[in-house]
Amino acid sequence: MSSLTLYSHPMSRGRIIRWMLEEIGAPYEYTAVDYGPAMKGPAYRAINPMGKVPALVHGETVVTECAAICAYLADAFPAAGLAPAPASPERGAYYRWLFFAAGPLEQAATAKAIGWSVPEKRSGMVGFGSYGETMDALEGAVKDREFIVGGRFSAADVYVGSHIGWGLQFGSIEHRPAFEAYWTRLAARPAHVKANALDDALIPAHPVPGMPPQG
């Protein structure tokens, strides 16, 4: 399998996967899918039944969900060095923080963004427990570390870092020094800068319904 196609929108979580692809350095095609009928129509739902972006097609393989795509790409392109060795002690931590971000962190940040509070004495029923506990766990993962796993950049940094960068920008993640220092380092990576520029250039041609025109 050699062909890679990213189905995405420049104002979506697909920006995470664009960054991941630029880190890998393999050639890929980008297909913009606009919000509305195009994203919810039968042609795109044949790729992702959820009618959401991003989706990655690699030969005959289709992968959705950002954490899964990041993990898949890291394994499919091992020469990029974006995942610890399968038998290494760091592999467990790598999976831990990838899926911590996909589960508790995203849930906690989303709850904060929409103003939803966990009812008293019901924190055990939600995956993130409480917003404060989630932020504390995240801080412990990135504080005084250049990268989140094993002292080297990995797909976990792409995914966790993207959550932190987005959350800091829009207020769903607290402005703690550890978060800001971690994200500042990651945001300066050449692959991230390039991926951002590519997506930003597409925004005027692919507006989001209900939002003012960009660019």
N, C-alpha and C. Protein backbone atom coordinates (compact mmCIF):
# COMPACT_ATOMS: atom_id res chain seq x y z
N MET A 1 0.84 -1.19 0.00
CA MET A 1 0.00 0.00 0.00
C MET A 1 0.88 1.24 0.00
N SER A 2 0.70 2.11 -0.97
CA SER A 2 1.54 3.30 -1.05
C SER A 2 0.74 4.59 -1.07
N SER A 3 -0.51 4.56 -1.59
CA SER A 3 -1.26 5.79 -1.73
C SER A 3 -1.89 6.19 -0.41
N LEU A 4 -1.80 7.47 -0.10
CA LEU A 4 -2.39 8.03 1.10
C LEU A 4 -3.30 9.18 0.71
N THR A 5 -4.53 9.16 1.19
CA THR A 5 -5.45 10.26 0.95
C THR A 5 -6.08 10.67 2.28
N LEU A 6 -5.96 11.94 2.60
CA LEU A 6 -6.60 12.50 3.78
C LEU A 6 -7.86 13.23 3.36
N TYR A 7 -8.99 12.82 3.90
CA TYR A 7 -10.25 13.52 3.73
C TYR A 7 -10.43 14.39 4.97
N SER A 8 -10.56 15.68 4.75
CA SER A 8 -10.54 16.59 5.89
C SER A 8 -11.21 17.90 5.54
N HIS A 9 -11.16 18.81 6.48
CA HIS A 9 -11.61 20.18 6.28
C HIS A 9 -10.59 21.05 7.00
N PRO A 10 -10.23 22.20 6.43
CA PRO A 10 -9.18 23.00 7.06
C PRO A 10 -9.53 23.57 8.42
N MET A 11 -10.80 23.53 8.81
CA MET A 11 -11.20 23.96 10.15
C MET A 11 -11.83 22.78 10.88
N SER A 12 -11.02 21.78 11.10
CA SER A 12 -11.49 20.56 11.75
C SER A 12 -10.33 19.89 12.47
N ARG A 13 -10.64 18.79 13.15
CA ARG A 13 -9.60 17.98 13.78
C ARG A 13 -8.64 17.38 12.76
N GLY A 14 -9.03 17.43 11.50
CA GLY A 14 -8.15 16.93 10.45
C GLY A 14 -6.81 17.66 10.41
N ARG A 15 -6.73 18.83 11.01
CA ARG A 15 -5.46 19.54 11.08
C ARG A 15 -4.42 18.72 11.85
N ILE A 16 -4.88 17.93 12.81
CA ILE A 16 -3.98 17.06 13.55
C ILE A 16 -3.32 16.07 12.59
N ILE A 17 -4.12 15.49 11.71
CA ILE A 17 -3.60 14.46 10.81
C ILE A 17 -2.73 15.08 9.72
N ARG A 18 -3.07 16.26 9.27
CA ARG A 18 -2.19 16.95 8.32
C ARG A 18 -0.80 17.12 8.94
N TRP A 19 -0.75 17.53 10.21
CA TRP A 19 0.53 17.68 10.90
C TRP A 19 1.26 16.34 10.98
N MET A 20 0.53 15.29 11.34
CA MET A 20 1.14 13.96 11.44
C MET A 20 1.72 13.52 10.10
N LEU A 21 1.00 13.76 9.04
CA LEU A 21 1.49 13.39 7.70
C LEU A 21 2.74 14.17 7.33
N GLU A 22 2.78 15.43 7.69
CA GLU A 22 3.98 16.22 7.40
C GLU A 22 5.17 15.74 8.23
N GLU A 23 4.92 15.28 9.44
CA GLU A 23 6.01 14.72 10.24
C GLU A 23 6.55 13.44 9.60
N ILE A 24 5.68 12.63 9.04
CA ILE A 24 6.09 11.39 8.39
C ILE A 24 6.90 11.67 7.13
N GLY A 25 6.46 12.65 6.37
CA GLY A 25 7.18 13.02 5.16
C GLY A 25 6.82 12.21 3.93
N ALA A 26 5.84 11.32 4.01
CA ALA A 26 5.41 10.55 2.85
C ALA A 26 4.44 11.38 2.01
N PRO A 27 4.45 11.21 0.69
CA PRO A 27 3.50 11.96 -0.14
C PRO A 27 2.06 11.53 0.14
N TYR A 28 1.16 12.49 0.07
CA TYR A 28 -0.25 12.19 0.31
C TYR A 28 -1.10 13.15 -0.50
N GLU A 29 -2.35 12.74 -0.71
CA GLU A 29 -3.32 13.61 -1.35
C GLU A 29 -4.28 14.14 -0.30
N TYR A 30 -4.76 15.34 -0.51
CA TYR A 30 -5.69 15.98 0.42
C TYR A 30 -6.98 16.24 -0.32
N THR A 31 -8.09 15.73 0.22
CA THR A 31 -9.41 15.99 -0.35
C THR A 31 -10.24 16.74 0.67
N ALA A 32 -10.59 17.97 0.36
CA ALA A 32 -11.41 18.77 1.27
C ALA A 32 -12.87 18.33 1.18
N VAL A 33 -13.48 18.14 2.34
CA VAL A 33 -14.88 17.76 2.41
C VAL A 33 -15.60 18.85 3.18
N ASP A 34 -16.51 19.55 2.51
CA ASP A 34 -17.19 20.67 3.14
C ASP A 34 -18.28 20.20 4.10
N TYR A 35 -18.48 20.99 5.15
CA TYR A 35 -19.57 20.72 6.08
C TYR A 35 -20.91 20.84 5.36
N GLY A 36 -21.86 20.03 5.78
CA GLY A 36 -23.18 20.07 5.16
C GLY A 36 -23.41 18.84 4.32
N PRO A 37 -24.11 18.98 3.19
CA PRO A 37 -24.48 17.82 2.38
C PRO A 37 -23.29 16.98 1.93
N ALA A 38 -22.16 17.61 1.62
CA ALA A 38 -21.01 16.82 1.15
C ALA A 38 -20.51 15.88 2.23
N MET A 39 -20.44 16.38 3.46
CA MET A 39 -19.92 15.55 4.55
C MET A 39 -20.94 14.52 5.02
N LYS A 40 -22.21 14.84 4.91
CA LYS A 40 -23.25 13.94 5.39
C LYS A 40 -23.87 13.09 4.29
N GLY A 41 -23.43 13.27 3.06
CA GLY A 41 -24.01 12.56 1.94
C GLY A 41 -23.48 11.14 1.80
N PRO A 42 -24.13 10.33 0.96
CA PRO A 42 -23.78 8.91 0.85
C PRO A 42 -22.37 8.67 0.32
N ALA A 43 -21.85 9.54 -0.54
CA ALA A 43 -20.52 9.31 -1.10
C ALA A 43 -19.45 9.34 0.00
N TYR A 44 -19.53 10.36 0.86
CA TYR A 44 -18.53 10.42 1.93
C TYR A 44 -18.85 9.43 3.05
N ARG A 45 -20.12 9.18 3.33
CA ARG A 45 -20.45 8.22 4.38
C ARG A 45 -19.99 6.81 4.02
N ALA A 46 -19.76 6.54 2.74
CA ALA A 46 -19.19 5.25 2.35
C ALA A 46 -17.76 5.11 2.86
N ILE A 47 -17.11 6.25 3.11
CA ILE A 47 -15.76 6.24 3.68
C ILE A 47 -15.84 6.29 5.20
N ASN A 48 -16.60 7.23 5.73
CA ASN A 48 -16.80 7.33 7.17
C ASN A 48 -18.30 7.40 7.45
N PRO A 49 -18.89 6.33 7.93
CA PRO A 49 -20.34 6.30 8.18
C PRO A 49 -20.81 7.37 9.16
N MET A 50 -19.89 7.91 9.98
CA MET A 50 -20.26 8.98 10.91
C MET A 50 -20.48 10.31 10.20
N GLY A 51 -20.03 10.43 8.97
CA GLY A 51 -20.18 11.69 8.26
C GLY A 51 -19.37 12.80 8.89
N LYS A 52 -18.16 12.45 9.36
CA LYS A 52 -17.28 13.41 10.02
C LYS A 52 -15.87 13.27 9.43
N VAL A 53 -15.11 14.34 9.55
CA VAL A 53 -13.70 14.29 9.17
C VAL A 53 -12.85 14.38 10.44
N PRO A 54 -11.62 13.85 10.34
CA PRO A 54 -10.92 13.34 9.17
C PRO A 54 -11.15 11.84 8.97
N ALA A 55 -10.76 11.41 7.77
CA ALA A 55 -10.65 9.99 7.46
C ALA A 55 -9.40 9.82 6.62
N LEU A 56 -8.71 8.74 6.83
CA LEU A 56 -7.49 8.44 6.07
C LEU A 56 -7.71 7.18 5.27
N VAL A 57 -7.38 7.22 3.99
CA VAL A 57 -7.42 6.04 3.15
C VAL A 57 -5.99 5.72 2.73
N HIS A 58 -5.55 4.52 3.05
CA HIS A 58 -4.19 4.07 2.73
C HIS A 58 -4.33 2.77 1.96
N GLY A 59 -4.25 2.87 0.63
CA GLY A 59 -4.54 1.70 -0.19
C GLY A 59 -5.98 1.28 0.02
N GLU A 60 -6.19 0.06 0.51
CA GLU A 60 -7.55 -0.43 0.77
C GLU A 60 -7.96 -0.25 2.24
N THR A 61 -7.10 0.34 3.04
CA THR A 61 -7.38 0.51 4.46
C THR A 61 -7.99 1.88 4.72
N VAL A 62 -9.05 1.92 5.49
CA VAL A 62 -9.69 3.17 5.90
C VAL A 62 -9.57 3.28 7.43
N VAL A 63 -9.08 4.43 7.90
CA VAL A 63 -8.95 4.66 9.33
C VAL A 63 -9.62 5.99 9.67
N THR A 64 -10.44 5.99 10.70
CA THR A 64 -11.04 7.22 11.21
C THR A 64 -10.64 7.36 12.68
N GLU A 65 -10.99 8.49 13.27
CA GLU A 65 -10.68 8.85 14.66
C GLU A 65 -9.20 9.24 14.74
N CYS A 66 -8.97 10.46 15.20
CA CYS A 66 -7.63 11.05 15.12
C CYS A 66 -6.56 10.24 15.85
N ALA A 67 -6.86 9.77 17.05
CA ALA A 67 -5.87 9.00 17.79
C ALA A 67 -5.52 7.72 17.04
N ALA A 68 -6.54 7.07 16.48
CA ALA A 68 -6.31 5.84 15.73
C ALA A 68 -5.48 6.11 14.47
N ILE A 69 -5.77 7.22 13.80
CA ILE A 69 -5.01 7.55 12.59
C ILE A 69 -3.56 7.83 12.93
N CYS A 70 -3.33 8.58 14.01
CA CYS A 70 -1.95 8.87 14.42
C CYS A 70 -1.20 7.57 14.74
N ALA A 71 -1.82 6.68 15.51
CA ALA A 71 -1.18 5.42 15.86
C ALA A 71 -0.94 4.58 14.61
N TYR A 72 -1.91 4.54 13.71
CA TYR A 72 -1.76 3.76 12.48
C TYR A 72 -0.60 4.27 11.64
N LEU A 73 -0.54 5.57 11.43
CA LEU A 73 0.50 6.14 10.59
C LEU A 73 1.90 5.91 11.19
N ALA A 74 1.99 6.03 12.51
CA ALA A 74 3.29 5.81 13.15
C ALA A 74 3.78 4.39 12.91
N ASP A 75 2.85 3.41 12.92
CA ASP A 75 3.24 2.02 12.68
C ASP A 75 3.43 1.73 11.19
N ALA A 76 2.65 2.38 10.34
CA ALA A 76 2.75 2.12 8.90
C ALA A 76 4.02 2.70 8.29
N PHE A 77 4.58 3.72 8.96
CA PHE A 77 5.79 4.37 8.46
C PHE A 77 6.84 4.40 9.58
N PRO A 78 7.37 3.24 9.94
CA PRO A 78 8.28 3.16 11.08
C PRO A 78 9.57 3.96 10.90
N ALA A 79 9.97 4.20 9.66
CA ALA A 79 11.22 4.94 9.43
C ALA A 79 11.14 6.36 9.98
N ALA A 80 9.93 6.88 10.16
CA ALA A 80 9.78 8.23 10.69
C ALA A 80 10.09 8.29 12.19
N GLY A 81 10.10 7.14 12.86
CA GLY A 81 10.45 7.09 14.27
C GLY A 81 9.45 7.76 15.19
N LEU A 82 8.17 7.66 14.88
CA LEU A 82 7.14 8.36 15.65
C LEU A 82 6.40 7.47 16.64
N ALA A 83 6.91 6.27 16.87
CA ALA A 83 6.34 5.39 17.89
C ALA A 83 7.47 4.61 18.55
N PRO A 84 7.40 4.42 19.86
CA PRO A 84 8.40 3.58 20.53
C PRO A 84 8.32 2.14 20.01
N ALA A 85 9.40 1.40 20.17
CA ALA A 85 9.42 0.00 19.75
C ALA A 85 8.33 -0.78 20.48
N PRO A 86 7.69 -1.75 19.79
CA PRO A 86 6.57 -2.48 20.40
C PRO A 86 6.89 -3.12 21.74
N ALA A 87 8.09 -3.61 21.93
CA ALA A 87 8.41 -4.31 23.18
C ALA A 87 9.07 -3.40 24.22
N SER A 88 9.16 -2.12 23.93
CA SER A 88 9.88 -1.21 24.83
C SER A 88 8.98 -0.75 25.98
N PRO A 89 9.59 -0.35 27.11
CA PRO A 89 8.79 0.17 28.23
C PRO A 89 8.00 1.42 27.85
N GLU A 90 8.51 2.17 26.87
CA GLU A 90 7.82 3.42 26.50
C GLU A 90 6.53 3.17 25.72
N ARG A 91 6.38 1.97 25.15
CA ARG A 91 5.19 1.72 24.32
C ARG A 91 3.91 1.84 25.13
N GLY A 92 3.92 1.35 26.36
CA GLY A 92 2.73 1.45 27.20
C GLY A 92 2.38 2.89 27.50
N ALA A 93 3.39 3.71 27.83
CA ALA A 93 3.14 5.12 28.10
C ALA A 93 2.64 5.84 26.86
N TYR A 94 3.16 5.45 25.71
CA TYR A 94 2.74 6.02 24.43
C TYR A 94 1.24 5.79 24.22
N TYR A 95 0.80 4.54 24.38
CA TYR A 95 -0.63 4.26 24.24
C TYR A 95 -1.43 4.97 25.34
N ARG A 96 -0.89 4.99 26.53
CA ARG A 96 -1.60 5.60 27.65
C ARG A 96 -1.98 7.04 27.35
N TRP A 97 -1.01 7.83 26.90
CA TRP A 97 -1.29 9.26 26.72
C TRP A 97 -2.03 9.55 25.43
N LEU A 98 -1.83 8.73 24.38
CA LEU A 98 -2.66 8.87 23.19
C LEU A 98 -4.13 8.75 23.55
N PHE A 99 -4.45 7.71 24.29
CA PHE A 99 -5.87 7.44 24.54
C PHE A 99 -6.40 8.15 25.77
N PHE A 100 -5.52 8.64 26.63
CA PHE A 100 -5.96 9.59 27.65
C PHE A 100 -6.48 10.85 26.97
N ALA A 101 -5.77 11.32 25.95
CA ALA A 101 -6.22 12.52 25.25
C ALA A 101 -7.50 12.27 24.47
N ALA A 102 -7.62 11.07 23.89
CA ALA A 102 -8.83 10.75 23.12
C ALA A 102 -10.05 10.55 24.01
N GLY A 103 -9.82 10.15 25.28
CA GLY A 103 -10.93 9.89 26.18
C GLY A 103 -11.11 10.99 27.21
N PRO A 104 -10.49 10.85 28.39
CA PRO A 104 -10.73 11.82 29.46
C PRO A 104 -10.45 13.27 29.09
N LEU A 105 -9.34 13.53 28.38
CA LEU A 105 -9.00 14.92 28.08
C LEU A 105 -10.04 15.55 27.16
N GLU A 106 -10.39 14.87 26.08
CA GLU A 106 -11.38 15.46 25.17
C GLU A 106 -12.73 15.61 25.86
N GLN A 107 -13.12 14.65 26.66
CA GLN A 107 -14.39 14.76 27.37
C GLN A 107 -14.39 15.96 28.33
N ALA A 108 -13.30 16.10 29.08
CA ALA A 108 -13.23 17.19 30.06
C ALA A 108 -13.23 18.55 29.37
N ALA A 109 -12.44 18.66 28.29
CA ALA A 109 -12.37 19.94 27.57
C ALA A 109 -13.70 20.27 26.91
N THR A 110 -14.37 19.27 26.36
CA THR A 110 -15.67 19.50 25.73
C THR A 110 -16.70 19.93 26.76
N ALA A 111 -16.70 19.26 27.90
CA ALA A 111 -17.64 19.63 28.96
C ALA A 111 -17.45 21.07 29.39
N LYS A 112 -16.20 21.48 29.51
CA LYS A 112 -15.92 22.87 29.90
C LYS A 112 -16.39 23.83 28.82
N ALA A 113 -16.13 23.48 27.56
CA ALA A 113 -16.47 24.37 26.44
C ALA A 113 -17.97 24.60 26.33
N ILE A 114 -18.77 23.58 26.64
CA ILE A 114 -20.23 23.72 26.51
C ILE A 114 -20.90 24.07 27.84
N GLY A 115 -20.08 24.23 28.89
CA GLY A 115 -20.63 24.63 30.17
C GLY A 115 -21.36 23.54 30.91
N TRP A 116 -20.95 22.29 30.68
CA TRP A 116 -21.61 21.17 31.34
C TRP A 116 -20.81 20.76 32.57
N SER A 117 -21.45 20.69 33.71
CA SER A 117 -20.80 20.29 34.96
C SER A 117 -21.29 18.91 35.37
N VAL A 118 -20.38 18.09 35.87
CA VAL A 118 -20.75 16.77 36.36
C VAL A 118 -21.53 16.96 37.67
N PRO A 119 -22.71 16.39 37.78
CA PRO A 119 -23.47 16.52 39.02
C PRO A 119 -22.68 16.02 40.23
N GLU A 120 -22.92 16.63 41.35
CA GLU A 120 -22.23 16.24 42.57
C GLU A 120 -22.41 14.75 42.84
N LYS A 121 -21.35 14.10 43.22
CA LYS A 121 -21.32 12.67 43.55
C LYS A 121 -21.51 11.78 42.33
N ARG A 122 -21.43 12.34 41.11
CA ARG A 122 -21.56 11.52 39.90
C ARG A 122 -20.26 11.45 39.11
N SER A 123 -19.17 11.93 39.68
CA SER A 123 -17.92 11.97 38.92
C SER A 123 -17.43 10.57 38.54
N GLY A 124 -17.80 9.57 39.32
CA GLY A 124 -17.39 8.22 39.00
C GLY A 124 -18.06 7.65 37.77
N MET A 125 -19.11 8.31 37.30
CA MET A 125 -19.83 7.82 36.13
C MET A 125 -19.28 8.34 34.81
N VAL A 126 -18.39 9.33 34.86
CA VAL A 126 -17.85 9.90 33.63
C VAL A 126 -16.37 9.54 33.53
N GLY A 127 -15.91 9.38 32.31
CA GLY A 127 -14.56 8.89 32.09
C GLY A 127 -13.46 9.81 32.60
N PHE A 128 -13.77 11.11 32.68
CA PHE A 128 -12.72 12.04 33.11
C PHE A 128 -12.76 12.37 34.59
N GLY A 129 -13.75 11.87 35.29
CA GLY A 129 -13.83 12.14 36.72
C GLY A 129 -14.21 13.58 37.00
N SER A 130 -13.22 14.47 36.96
CA SER A 130 -13.47 15.89 37.09
C SER A 130 -12.49 16.65 36.22
N TYR A 131 -12.86 17.86 35.87
CA TYR A 131 -11.99 18.68 35.03
C TYR A 131 -10.64 18.91 35.72
N GLY A 132 -10.67 19.25 37.01
CA GLY A 132 -9.43 19.53 37.73
C GLY A 132 -8.50 18.34 37.77
N GLU A 133 -9.05 17.14 38.02
CA GLU A 133 -8.23 15.93 38.05
C GLU A 133 -7.59 15.67 36.69
N THR A 134 -8.36 15.92 35.63
CA THR A 134 -7.84 15.70 34.28
C THR A 134 -6.71 16.66 33.98
N MET A 135 -6.87 17.93 34.34
CA MET A 135 -5.81 18.90 34.10
C MET A 135 -4.55 18.57 34.92
N ASP A 136 -4.75 18.11 36.13
CA ASP A 136 -3.60 17.75 36.96
C ASP A 136 -2.84 16.57 36.37
N ALA A 137 -3.58 15.57 35.88
CA ALA A 137 -2.93 14.41 35.27
C ALA A 137 -2.17 14.82 34.01
N LEU A 138 -2.78 15.69 33.21
CA LEU A 138 -2.12 16.16 32.00
C LEU A 138 -0.86 16.95 32.33
N GLU A 139 -0.96 17.80 33.32
CA GLU A 139 0.21 18.57 33.73
C GLU A 139 1.35 17.65 34.16
N GLY A 140 1.02 16.62 34.91
CA GLY A 140 2.05 15.68 35.33
C GLY A 140 2.71 14.97 34.18
N ALA A 141 1.98 14.80 33.08
CA ALA A 141 2.53 14.11 31.91
C ALA A 141 3.52 14.96 31.12
N VAL A 142 3.32 16.28 31.13
CA VAL A 142 4.16 17.15 30.27
C VAL A 142 5.12 18.04 31.06
N LYS A 143 4.93 18.16 32.35
CA LYS A 143 5.76 19.07 33.13
C LYS A 143 7.21 18.59 33.18
N ASP A 144 8.12 19.50 32.92
CA ASP A 144 9.55 19.24 32.98
C ASP A 144 9.98 18.15 32.01
N ARG A 145 9.22 17.95 30.94
CA ARG A 145 9.59 17.00 29.89
C ARG A 145 9.56 17.72 28.55
N GLU A 146 10.55 17.43 27.71
CA GLU A 146 10.51 18.00 26.37
C GLU A 146 9.41 17.33 25.55
N PHE A 147 9.30 16.02 25.68
CA PHE A 147 8.28 15.25 24.98
C PHE A 147 7.58 14.33 25.97
N ILE A 148 6.42 13.83 25.60
CA ILE A 148 5.58 13.15 26.57
C ILE A 148 6.03 11.72 26.88
N VAL A 149 6.79 11.10 25.96
CA VAL A 149 7.20 9.71 26.14
C VAL A 149 8.66 9.52 25.77
N GLY A 150 9.45 9.00 26.67
CA GLY A 150 10.77 8.50 26.34
C GLY A 150 11.80 9.50 25.87
N GLY A 151 11.55 10.77 26.07
CA GLY A 151 12.55 11.76 25.70
C GLY A 151 12.70 12.02 24.22
N ARG A 152 11.73 11.55 23.41
CA ARG A 152 11.78 11.83 21.97
C ARG A 152 10.38 12.07 21.43
N PHE A 153 10.32 12.86 20.38
CA PHE A 153 9.04 13.21 19.78
C PHE A 153 8.36 11.98 19.21
N SER A 154 7.03 11.90 19.39
CA SER A 154 6.27 10.76 18.88
C SER A 154 4.88 11.22 18.45
N ALA A 155 4.12 10.26 17.90
CA ALA A 155 2.74 10.56 17.51
C ALA A 155 1.91 11.00 18.71
N ALA A 156 2.28 10.55 19.91
CA ALA A 156 1.56 10.98 21.10
C ALA A 156 1.69 12.48 21.30
N ASP A 157 2.84 13.05 20.96
CA ASP A 157 3.01 14.50 21.07
C ASP A 157 2.14 15.24 20.05
N VAL A 158 2.03 14.67 18.85
CA VAL A 158 1.15 15.29 17.85
C VAL A 158 -0.27 15.37 18.38
N TYR A 159 -0.75 14.27 18.94
CA TYR A 159 -2.15 14.23 19.35
C TYR A 159 -2.40 14.98 20.65
N VAL A 160 -1.59 14.70 21.67
CA VAL A 160 -1.76 15.41 22.94
C VAL A 160 -1.49 16.90 22.75
N GLY A 161 -0.41 17.22 22.03
CA GLY A 161 -0.07 18.61 21.81
C GLY A 161 -1.16 19.38 21.09
N SER A 162 -1.79 18.73 20.11
CA SER A 162 -2.89 19.39 19.38
C SER A 162 -4.04 19.73 20.31
N HIS A 163 -4.37 18.82 21.21
CA HIS A 163 -5.43 19.09 22.19
C HIS A 163 -5.06 20.28 23.06
N ILE A 164 -3.82 20.31 23.51
CA ILE A 164 -3.39 21.41 24.38
C ILE A 164 -3.39 22.73 23.62
N GLY A 165 -2.84 22.72 22.41
CA GLY A 165 -2.81 23.95 21.62
C GLY A 165 -4.20 24.50 21.34
N TRP A 166 -5.10 23.62 20.94
CA TRP A 166 -6.49 24.03 20.67
C TRP A 166 -7.16 24.53 21.95
N GLY A 167 -6.97 23.77 23.04
CA GLY A 167 -7.61 24.15 24.30
C GLY A 167 -7.12 25.47 24.85
N LEU A 168 -5.81 25.73 24.72
CA LEU A 168 -5.27 27.01 25.17
C LEU A 168 -5.83 28.16 24.34
N GLN A 169 -5.99 27.93 23.05
CA GLN A 169 -6.49 28.98 22.17
C GLN A 169 -7.94 29.33 22.47
N PHE A 170 -8.75 28.32 22.77
CA PHE A 170 -10.19 28.56 22.91
C PHE A 170 -10.68 28.47 24.35
N GLY A 171 -9.78 28.30 25.30
CA GLY A 171 -10.16 28.40 26.69
C GLY A 171 -10.70 27.14 27.34
N SER A 172 -10.62 26.00 26.66
CA SER A 172 -11.12 24.77 27.26
C SER A 172 -10.05 24.05 28.06
N ILE A 173 -8.80 24.52 27.98
CA ILE A 173 -7.70 24.01 28.80
C ILE A 173 -7.08 25.19 29.53
N GLU A 174 -6.82 25.00 30.80
CA GLU A 174 -6.27 26.08 31.62
C GLU A 174 -4.88 26.50 31.15
N HIS A 175 -4.60 27.78 31.34
CA HIS A 175 -3.28 28.30 30.98
C HIS A 175 -2.31 28.06 32.14
N ARG A 176 -1.75 26.87 32.14
CA ARG A 176 -0.73 26.52 33.12
C ARG A 176 0.65 26.61 32.44
N PRO A 177 1.67 27.04 33.16
CA PRO A 177 3.01 27.18 32.55
C PRO A 177 3.49 25.90 31.86
N ALA A 178 3.22 24.75 32.44
CA ALA A 178 3.68 23.49 31.83
C ALA A 178 3.02 23.27 30.47
N PHE A 179 1.74 23.58 30.36
CA PHE A 179 1.04 23.42 29.09
C PHE A 179 1.59 24.39 28.04
N GLU A 180 1.77 25.62 28.44
CA GLU A 180 2.23 26.64 27.50
C GLU A 180 3.65 26.35 27.01
N ALA A 181 4.53 25.90 27.92
CA ALA A 181 5.90 25.60 27.51
C ALA A 181 5.94 24.41 26.56
N TYR A 182 5.17 23.38 26.86
CA TYR A 182 5.11 22.18 26.02
C TYR A 182 4.58 22.53 24.63
N TRP A 183 3.48 23.27 24.58
CA TRP A 183 2.89 23.60 23.29
C TRP A 183 3.78 24.54 22.48
N THR A 184 4.43 25.48 23.12
CA THR A 184 5.31 26.40 22.40
C THR A 184 6.41 25.63 21.67
N ARG A 185 6.98 24.62 22.31
CA ARG A 185 8.01 23.81 21.66
C ARG A 185 7.45 23.07 20.46
N LEU A 186 6.29 22.45 20.63
CA LEU A 186 5.73 21.65 19.55
C LEU A 186 5.27 22.51 18.38
N ALA A 187 4.67 23.65 18.68
CA ALA A 187 4.13 24.51 17.63
C ALA A 187 5.21 25.04 16.70
N ALA A 188 6.45 25.06 17.17
CA ALA A 188 7.55 25.57 16.36
C ALA A 188 8.14 24.52 15.44
N ARG A 189 7.69 23.27 15.53
CA ARG A 189 8.25 22.24 14.65
C ARG A 189 7.94 22.56 13.19
N PRO A 190 8.91 22.39 12.31
CA PRO A 190 8.69 22.74 10.89
C PRO A 190 7.48 22.04 10.28
N ALA A 191 7.25 20.77 10.62
CA ALA A 191 6.11 20.06 10.05
C ALA A 191 4.79 20.67 10.51
N HIS A 192 4.73 21.13 11.74
CA HIS A 192 3.51 21.77 12.23
C HIS A 192 3.30 23.11 11.55
N VAL A 193 4.36 23.88 11.40
CA VAL A 193 4.26 25.18 10.73
C VAL A 193 3.78 25.00 9.30
N LYS A 194 4.34 24.01 8.60
CA LYS A 194 3.94 23.77 7.21
C LYS A 194 2.49 23.31 7.13
N ALA A 195 2.10 22.37 7.99
CA ALA A 195 0.73 21.86 7.96
C ALA A 195 -0.27 22.97 8.23
N ASN A 196 0.03 23.84 9.20
CA ASN A 196 -0.85 24.95 9.50
C ASN A 196 -1.02 25.88 8.31
N ALA A 197 0.09 26.17 7.64
CA ALA A 197 0.04 27.07 6.50
C ALA A 197 -0.80 26.47 5.37
N LEU A 198 -0.65 25.17 5.14
CA LEU A 198 -1.43 24.52 4.08
C LEU A 198 -2.92 24.58 4.38
N ASP A 199 -3.30 24.30 5.63
CA ASP A 199 -4.72 24.34 5.98
C ASP A 199 -5.25 25.77 5.99
N ASP A 200 -4.47 26.69 6.53
CA ASP A 200 -4.92 28.08 6.57
C ASP A 200 -5.21 28.62 5.17
N ALA A 201 -4.40 28.22 4.20
CA ALA A 201 -4.59 28.70 2.84
C ALA A 201 -5.90 28.21 2.23
N LEU A 202 -6.44 27.11 2.75
CA LEU A 202 -7.68 26.55 2.21
C LEU A 202 -8.94 27.12 2.85
N ILE A 203 -8.80 27.79 3.97
CA ILE A 203 -9.97 28.23 4.73
C ILE A 203 -10.91 29.13 3.92
N PRO A 204 -10.42 30.13 3.18
CA PRO A 204 -11.36 30.99 2.45
C PRO A 204 -12.23 30.24 1.45
N ALA A 205 -11.72 29.16 0.88
CA ALA A 205 -12.49 28.42 -0.11
C ALA A 205 -13.41 27.38 0.52
N HIS A 206 -13.28 27.17 1.83
CA HIS A 206 -14.09 26.14 2.49
C HIS A 206 -14.64 26.69 3.81
N PRO A 207 -15.55 27.65 3.73
CA PRO A 207 -16.10 28.26 4.95
C PRO A 207 -16.93 27.26 5.75
N VAL A 208 -17.08 27.58 7.02
CA VAL A 208 -17.93 26.78 7.90
C VAL A 208 -19.29 27.47 8.01
N PRO A 209 -20.39 26.76 7.75
CA PRO A 209 -21.71 27.39 7.85
C PRO A 209 -21.91 28.05 9.23
N GLY A 210 -22.40 29.27 9.20
CA GLY A 210 -22.68 29.97 10.45
C GLY A 210 -21.52 30.77 10.98
N MET A 211 -20.35 30.65 10.35
CA MET A 211 -19.20 31.41 10.79
C MET A 211 -18.89 32.48 9.75
N PRO A 212 -18.39 33.64 10.18
CA PRO A 212 -18.04 34.69 9.22
C PRO A 212 -16.92 34.23 8.30
N PRO A 213 -16.86 34.76 7.07
CA PRO A 213 -15.78 34.38 6.15
C PRO A 213 -14.41 34.66 6.75
N GLN A 214 -13.46 33.77 6.44
CA GLN A 214 -12.10 33.90 6.92
C GLN A 214 -11.19 34.35 5.79
N GLY A 215 -10.05 34.92 6.18
CA GLY A 215 -9.05 35.29 5.19
C GLY A 215 -9.29 36.67 4.60
